[in-house]
C-alpha atoms as a PDB file:
ATOM      1  CA  MET A   1    -157.363-290.242  66.635  1.00  0.00           C
ATOM      2  CA  PRO A   2    -154.699-290.542  69.322  1.00  0.00           C
ATOM      3  CA  LEU A   3    -152.016-288.842  67.236  1.00  0.00           C
ATOM      4  CA  ARG A   4    -154.104-285.712  66.675  1.00  0.00           C
ATOM      5  CA  ASP A   5    -153.233-284.315  70.126  1.00  0.00           C
ATOM      6  CA  LEU A   6    -149.532-284.957  69.542  1.00  0.00           C
ATOM      7  CA  LEU A   7    -149.646-283.208  66.189  1.00  0.00           C
ATOM      8  CA  LYS A   8    -151.539-280.277  67.695  1.00  0.00           C
ATOM      9  CA  SER A   9    -148.927-279.953  70.441  1.00  0.00           C
ATOM     10  CA  LYS A  10    -146.124-280.125  67.906  1.00  0.00           C
ATOM     11  CA  ILE A  11    -147.719-277.366  65.825  1.00  0.00           C
ATOM     12  CA  LEU A  12    -148.037-275.198  68.940  1.00  0.00           C
ATOM     13  CA  LEU A  13    -144.319-275.613  69.519  1.00  0.00           C
ATOM     14  CA  TYR A  14    -143.576-274.637  65.917  1.00  0.00           C
ATOM     15  CA  LYS A  15    -145.842-271.616  66.028  1.00  0.00           C
ATOM     16  CA  ASN A  16    -145.166-270.159  69.471  1.00  0.00           C
ATOM     17  CA  TYR A  17    -141.590-271.163  70.202  1.00  0.00           C
ATOM     18  CA  ASN A  18    -140.019-271.466  66.735  1.00  0.00           C
ATOM     19  CA  LEU A  19    -138.845-275.017  67.323  1.00  0.00           C
ATOM     20  CA  GLY A  20    -138.218-277.232  64.310  1.00  0.00           C
ATOM     21  CA  ASP A  21    -138.823-280.898  63.562  1.00  0.00           C
ATOM     22  CA  ASP A  22    -135.211-281.812  64.180  1.00  0.00           C
ATOM     23  CA  THR A  23    -135.301-280.388  67.710  1.00  0.00           C
ATOM     24  CA  ILE A  24    -138.649-281.844  68.727  1.00  0.00           C
ATOM     25  CA  ASP A  25    -138.020-285.257  67.144  1.00  0.00           C
ATOM     26  CA  ASN A  26    -134.775-285.660  69.097  1.00  0.00           C
ATOM     27  CA  TRP A  27    -136.527-285.227  72.452  1.00  0.00           C
ATOM     28  CA  PRO A  28    -137.492-288.349  74.376  1.00  0.00           C
ATOM     29  CA  PHE A  29    -141.262-288.711  74.645  1.00  0.00           C
ATOM     30  CA  TRP A  30    -141.321-287.877  78.376  1.00  0.00           C
ATOM     31  CA  MET A  31    -139.507-284.604  77.665  1.00  0.00           C
ATOM     32  CA  PHE A  32    -141.969-283.755  74.899  1.00  0.00           C
ATOM     33  CA  GLU A  33    -144.888-284.404  77.262  1.00  0.00           C
ATOM     34  CA  GLU A  34    -143.301-282.336  80.034  1.00  0.00           C
ATOM     35  CA  ASN A  35    -142.642-279.394  77.688  1.00  0.00           C
ATOM     36  CA  ILE A  36    -146.222-279.516  76.454  1.00  0.00           C
ATOM     37  CA  SER A  37    -147.603-279.531  80.018  1.00  0.00           C
ATOM     38  CA  ILE A  38    -145.401-276.549  80.934  1.00  0.00           C
ATOM     39  CA  ILE A  39    -146.535-274.662  77.830  1.00  0.00           C
ATOM     40  CA  ASN A  40    -150.177-275.391  78.670  1.00  0.00           C
ATOM     41  CA  GLU A  41    -149.659-274.037  82.197  1.00  0.00           C
ATOM     42  CA  LEU A  42    -148.027-270.898  80.815  1.00  0.00           C
ATOM     43  CA  GLN A  43    -150.922-270.342  78.418  1.00  0.00           C
ATOM     44  CA  GLU A  44    -153.453-270.773  81.222  1.00  0.00           C
ATOM     45  CA  ASP A  45    -151.574-268.277  83.398  1.00  0.00           C
ATOM     46  CA  GLU A  46    -151.423-265.776  80.533  1.00  0.00           C
ATOM     47  CA  GLY A  47    -155.153-266.251  79.921  1.00  0.00           C
ATOM     48  CA  LYS A  48    -155.961-265.634  83.584  1.00  0.00           C
ATOM     49  CA  GLY A  49    -153.749-262.550  83.638  1.00  0.00           C
ATOM     50  CA  ARG A  50    -155.349-261.222  80.454  1.00  0.00           C
ATOM     51  CA  LYS A  51    -158.843-261.803  81.870  1.00  0.00           C
ATOM     52  CA  HIS A  52    -157.890-260.013  85.086  1.00  0.00           C
ATOM     53  CA  GLN A  53    -156.575-257.023  83.107  1.00  0.00           C
ATOM     54  CA  GLU A  54    -159.746-256.899  80.999  1.00  0.00           C
ATOM     55  CA  ASP A  55    -161.891-256.952  84.135  1.00  0.00           C
ATOM     56  CA  GLU A  56    -159.865-254.133  85.673  1.00  0.00           C
ATOM     57  CA  GLN A  57    -160.128-252.051  82.496  1.00  0.00           C
ATOM     58  CA  SER A  58    -163.867-252.595  82.232  1.00  0.00           C
ATOM     59  CA  LYS A  59    -164.289-251.421  85.830  1.00  0.00           C
ATOM     60  CA  MET A  60    -162.287-248.271  85.095  1.00  0.00           C
ATOM     61  CA  MET A  61    -164.109-247.484  81.855  1.00  0.00           C
ATOM     62  CA  GLY A  62    -167.569-247.460  83.426  1.00  0.00           C
ATOM     63  CA  ASN A  63    -170.738-247.766  81.426  1.00  0.00           C
ATOM     64  CA  MET A  64    -170.121-247.518  77.691  1.00  0.00           C
ATOM     65  CA  ASN A  65    -173.814-247.594  76.775  1.00  0.00           C
ATOM     66  CA  PRO A  66    -174.625-244.742  74.327  1.00  0.00           C
ATOM     67  CA  SER A  67    -178.160-244.344  75.641  1.00  0.00           C
ATOM     68  CA  SER A  68    -176.815-243.625  79.122  1.00  0.00           C
ATOM     69  CA  TYR A  69    -174.668-240.861  77.621  1.00  0.00           C
ATOM     70  CA  MET A  70    -177.701-239.333  75.950  1.00  0.00           C
ATOM     71  CA  LYS A  71    -179.646-239.411  79.220  1.00  0.00           C
ATOM     72  CA  SER A  72    -176.757-237.712  80.968  1.00  0.00           C
ATOM     73  CA  MET A  73    -176.579-235.053  78.268  1.00  0.00           C
ATOM     74  CA  SER A  74    -180.302-234.332  78.481  1.00  0.00           C
ATOM     75  CA  ASN A  75    -180.056-234.047  82.262  1.00  0.00           C
ATOM     76  CA  MET A  76    -177.156-231.623  81.875  1.00  0.00           C
ATOM     77  CA  SER A  77    -179.008-229.550  79.301  1.00  0.00           C
ATOM     78  CA  ASN A  78    -182.016-229.231  81.633  1.00  0.00           C
ATOM     79  CA  LYS A  79    -179.776-227.491  84.146  1.00  0.00           C
ATOM     80  CA  PHE A  80    -178.900-224.746  81.668  1.00  0.00           C
ATOM     81  CA  LYS A  81    -182.132-223.064  80.742  1.00  0.00           C
ATOM     82  CA  PRO A  82    -182.099-219.941  78.603  1.00  0.00           C
ATOM     83  CA  PRO A  83    -182.796-216.689  80.435  1.00  0.00           C
ATOM     84  CA  ARG A  84    -186.358-215.382  80.292  1.00  0.00           C
ATOM     85  CA  MET A  85    -186.977-212.066  78.659  1.00  0.00           C
END
């Protein structure tokens, strides 16, 4: 349906920018389209920024695999052997 995309865009404006029917309905169609394209660009930029931050955090966190921790612990415990009597 061709109107589905328009309705979806209108709902995004309601949800994210707290705009009402009276505001959106008074816009000329070209202005509505331009606002939607700007909002889509902003969302893409935010998504790219969020992905970049997640990649940076994952690099800083290192390996979060529990089995690698256990291997490291066993290697550390092998270094500390009890004294012989």
